[in-house]
Each structure stands twice: as structure tokens, then as C-alpha cells.
């Protein structure tokens, strides 16, 4: 038997002003996107913004439905729109934020498992790790690559 230790490195910032300017801009786009979320059932507004290799920023927000399984998370809305609009452009970074009736969450927003897997697939597709910025009032976490969120991810297989 062998034991394998998994380590996840997370940079933590107290305020958005401590982030590089490009991260601050992306985070602001995610925060703005959260304002337009369609979340009448959960009242949990999530915003995401994706920075593409060509410099474009694509924002998305969660879109709920009375049949909860038919809704879609902000991260996937932003990523899928980016892939549909700019199919050849890789993703450099994604920022995610969330708020409820009391305002933005104290702890950093966390993507769900499906969104984490889509991030893994996106990295595989463009052969590039994605900078992940998770927003919270008390701290902002920055991770380098989807494996930091999903260390034992289902790995895509190239279809030849």
C-alpha cells in the first residue's frame, strides 16, 4: 500500500486592491454579472467572468428554472458562451463571486462539481491552466489550475 498526499496551493488576499489589475477588472465584471442573475428560487446570485487569450472578457450568471436540474451555473454560462463565440480562444482566467440577500458572501465563492469538471475540460482542450479567482468579503482566493479545485478529476481522453 502507498499513501499519496495531495497539496493544493492557494494564494489568499484580504482585499481586491491587492490583486493584479487584470484580476481586479475580471472580478469587477463577475460582480457586475451577479447583479443580473436569474435566481428567483434560491435568491443566490452568482456571477462569473472569463478572460480569454485574446483579451476579451465574457461574463455570465446563474440562470435558474423551476425544475432545478434545468438551471445553469454562472461559470458554465460564461465558459460555454466564450467557447461558442470564440471557439479557438483559450481561457486565461475566471473570476467567480456570489451574493444573497445580505450581500456578497463572506467566504470565497466555490464552483460546483460540474463547473469544476468543465474547467478541467477547458484546460485540456486548450492545453493551458486557468487562473481561478474566488471572491469573498473576508478574503479572495486565487488558484492556478482546475486541478487545485478538483485534484482527482475525470481526465478527458483525446479522440483520434
Protein backbone atom coordinates (compact mmCIF):
# COMPACT_ATOMS: atom_id res chain seq x y z
CA UNK A 1 0.00 0.00 0.00
CA UNK A 2 1.12 3.53 -0.78
CA UNK A 3 -0.16 6.80 0.58
CA UNK A 4 -0.22 9.78 -1.72
CA UNK A 5 -0.52 13.27 -0.33
CA UNK A 6 -2.33 15.89 -2.38
CA UNK A 7 -1.40 19.52 -1.83
CA UNK A 8 -3.36 22.49 -3.05
CA UNK A 9 -1.67 25.86 -3.17
CA UNK A 10 -3.95 28.83 -2.66
CA UNK A 11 -2.97 32.48 -2.68
CA UNK A 12 -5.16 34.46 -0.32
CA UNK A 13 -5.74 38.21 -0.44
CA UNK A 14 -7.62 40.38 2.05
CA UNK A 15 -8.85 42.93 -0.49
CA UNK A 16 -9.34 43.05 -4.25
CA UNK A 17 -6.93 46.03 -4.45
CA UNK A 18 -4.10 43.62 -3.61
CA UNK A 19 -4.73 41.65 -6.82
CA UNK A 20 -3.01 42.41 -10.13
CA UNK A 21 -5.02 44.94 -12.18
CA UNK A 22 -6.19 42.32 -14.71
CA UNK A 23 -7.64 40.22 -11.86
CA UNK A 24 -9.36 43.28 -10.38
CA UNK A 25 -11.02 44.05 -13.72
CA UNK A 26 -12.15 40.44 -14.10
CA UNK A 27 -13.50 40.35 -10.55
CA UNK A 28 -15.47 43.56 -11.14
CA UNK A 29 -17.00 42.01 -14.28
CA UNK A 30 -18.06 38.95 -12.24
CA UNK A 31 -19.56 41.14 -9.52
CA UNK A 32 -21.49 43.14 -12.12
CA UNK A 33 -22.72 39.93 -13.77
CA UNK A 34 -24.09 38.68 -10.44
CA UNK A 35 -26.47 41.65 -10.40
CA UNK A 36 -28.30 40.23 -13.43
CA UNK A 37 -28.55 36.61 -12.31
CA UNK A 38 -31.94 34.97 -12.67
CA UNK A 39 -32.25 33.35 -9.24
CA UNK A 40 -35.89 33.67 -8.09
CA UNK A 41 -35.85 30.31 -6.27
CA UNK A 42 -32.53 30.27 -4.41
CA UNK A 43 -32.07 34.05 -4.22
CA UNK A 44 -28.38 33.19 -4.55
CA UNK A 45 -26.85 35.32 -7.32
CA UNK A 46 -23.62 34.08 -8.82
CA UNK A 47 -21.50 35.95 -11.34
CA UNK A 48 -18.54 34.72 -13.34
CA UNK A 49 -16.21 36.41 -15.79
CA UNK A 50 -13.77 34.71 -18.11
CA UNK A 51 -10.63 36.31 -19.54
CA UNK A 52 -9.77 34.85 -22.94
CA UNK A 53 -6.32 34.66 -24.53
CA UNK A 54 -7.35 37.41 -26.97
CA UNK A 55 -8.11 39.80 -24.06
CA UNK A 56 -11.91 39.56 -24.33
CA UNK A 57 -13.86 39.29 -21.08
CA UNK A 58 -17.03 37.21 -21.17
CA UNK A 59 -19.42 37.42 -18.21
CA UNK A 60 -22.15 35.03 -17.14
CA UNK A 61 -24.51 34.48 -14.24
CA UNK A 62 -26.63 31.69 -12.88
CA UNK A 63 -29.92 31.02 -14.64
CA UNK A 64 -32.45 29.10 -12.56
CA UNK A 65 -35.56 27.21 -13.59
CA UNK A 66 -38.50 25.86 -11.60
CA UNK A 67 -37.11 22.40 -12.42
CA UNK A 68 -33.79 22.93 -10.66
CA UNK A 69 -31.96 20.45 -12.89
CA UNK A 70 -32.61 22.69 -15.91
CA UNK A 71 -30.78 25.71 -14.49
CA UNK A 72 -27.19 26.53 -15.24
CA UNK A 73 -24.35 27.91 -13.12
CA UNK A 74 -22.64 31.22 -13.86
CA UNK A 75 -19.29 29.57 -14.55
CA UNK A 76 -20.69 27.31 -17.27
CA UNK A 77 -22.80 30.11 -18.76
CA UNK A 78 -19.65 32.24 -19.15
CA UNK A 79 -17.43 29.39 -20.36
CA UNK A 80 -19.93 27.99 -22.86
CA UNK A 81 -20.71 31.44 -24.26
CA UNK A 82 -16.97 32.12 -24.58
CA UNK A 83 -16.45 28.81 -26.41
CA UNK A 84 -19.44 29.43 -28.69
CA UNK A 85 -18.36 32.99 -29.53
CA UNK A 86 -14.58 32.49 -29.65
CA UNK A 87 -14.12 28.75 -30.26
CA UNK A 88 -10.38 28.95 -30.85
CA UNK A 89 -9.51 31.13 -27.86
CA UNK A 90 -8.14 29.62 -24.68
CA UNK A 91 -9.17 30.78 -21.24
CA UNK A 92 -6.54 32.59 -19.17
CA UNK A 93 -8.59 33.22 -16.02
CA UNK A 94 -12.03 33.04 -14.44
CA UNK A 95 -13.41 35.05 -11.52
CA UNK A 96 -16.41 33.84 -9.51
CA UNK A 97 -18.48 35.72 -6.94
CA UNK A 98 -21.75 35.08 -5.13
CA UNK A 99 -24.25 37.08 -3.11
CA UNK A 100 -27.51 36.58 -1.28
CA UNK A 101 -29.99 38.97 0.32
CA UNK A 102 -27.29 40.08 2.78
CA UNK A 103 -24.79 41.00 0.05
CA UNK A 104 -21.64 39.31 -1.20
CA UNK A 105 -20.65 36.17 0.70
CA UNK A 106 -18.06 36.45 3.45
CA UNK A 107 -16.13 33.38 2.26
CA UNK A 108 -14.89 32.86 -1.30
CA UNK A 109 -17.44 31.50 -3.78
CA UNK A 110 -16.82 27.89 -4.76
CA UNK A 111 -17.72 26.34 -8.14
CA UNK A 112 -19.87 23.22 -8.04
CA UNK A 113 -18.53 19.84 -9.16
CA UNK A 114 -19.96 20.15 -12.69
CA UNK A 115 -18.32 23.55 -13.15
CA UNK A 116 -15.04 22.19 -11.84
CA UNK A 117 -15.16 19.39 -14.41
CA UNK A 118 -15.91 21.87 -17.22
CA UNK A 119 -12.86 23.88 -16.12
CA UNK A 120 -10.75 20.69 -16.32
CA UNK A 121 -12.09 20.01 -19.82
CA UNK A 122 -11.36 23.59 -20.88
CA UNK A 123 -7.77 23.30 -19.66
CA UNK A 124 -7.40 20.01 -21.55
CA UNK A 125 -8.92 21.49 -24.70
CA UNK A 126 -6.55 24.48 -24.80
CA UNK A 127 -3.61 22.82 -23.00
CA UNK A 128 -3.33 25.69 -20.53
CA UNK A 129 -4.05 26.01 -16.79
CA UNK A 130 -6.70 28.56 -15.86
CA UNK A 131 -6.13 31.15 -13.13
CA UNK A 132 -9.14 30.86 -10.80
CA UNK A 133 -10.19 33.84 -8.67
CA UNK A 134 -12.76 33.13 -5.96
CA UNK A 135 -14.34 36.20 -4.39
CA UNK A 136 -15.39 36.68 -0.78
CA UNK A 137 -15.78 39.70 1.52
CA UNK A 138 -13.31 38.30 4.07
CA UNK A 139 -10.77 37.02 1.54
CA UNK A 140 -10.14 36.36 -2.12
CA UNK A 141 -8.54 33.07 -3.11
CA UNK A 142 -6.50 32.56 -6.27
CA UNK A 143 -5.64 29.12 -7.58
CA UNK A 144 -3.57 28.11 -10.56
CA UNK A 145 -5.44 25.48 -12.48
CA UNK A 146 -8.60 23.45 -12.16
CA UNK A 147 -6.75 20.57 -10.53
CA UNK A 148 -6.50 22.77 -7.46
CA UNK A 149 -10.31 22.63 -7.29
CA UNK A 150 -10.70 19.04 -8.44
CA UNK A 151 -7.47 17.11 -7.82
CA UNK A 152 -8.86 13.72 -8.84
CA UNK A 153 -10.78 14.94 -11.87
CA UNK A 154 -12.11 12.76 -14.65
CA UNK A 155 -9.44 13.25 -17.31
CA UNK A 156 -10.60 13.73 -20.89
CA UNK A 157 -9.16 11.35 -23.46
CA UNK A 158 -8.12 12.66 -26.86
CA UNK A 159 -10.31 11.16 -29.55
CA UNK A 160 -8.29 10.44 -32.66
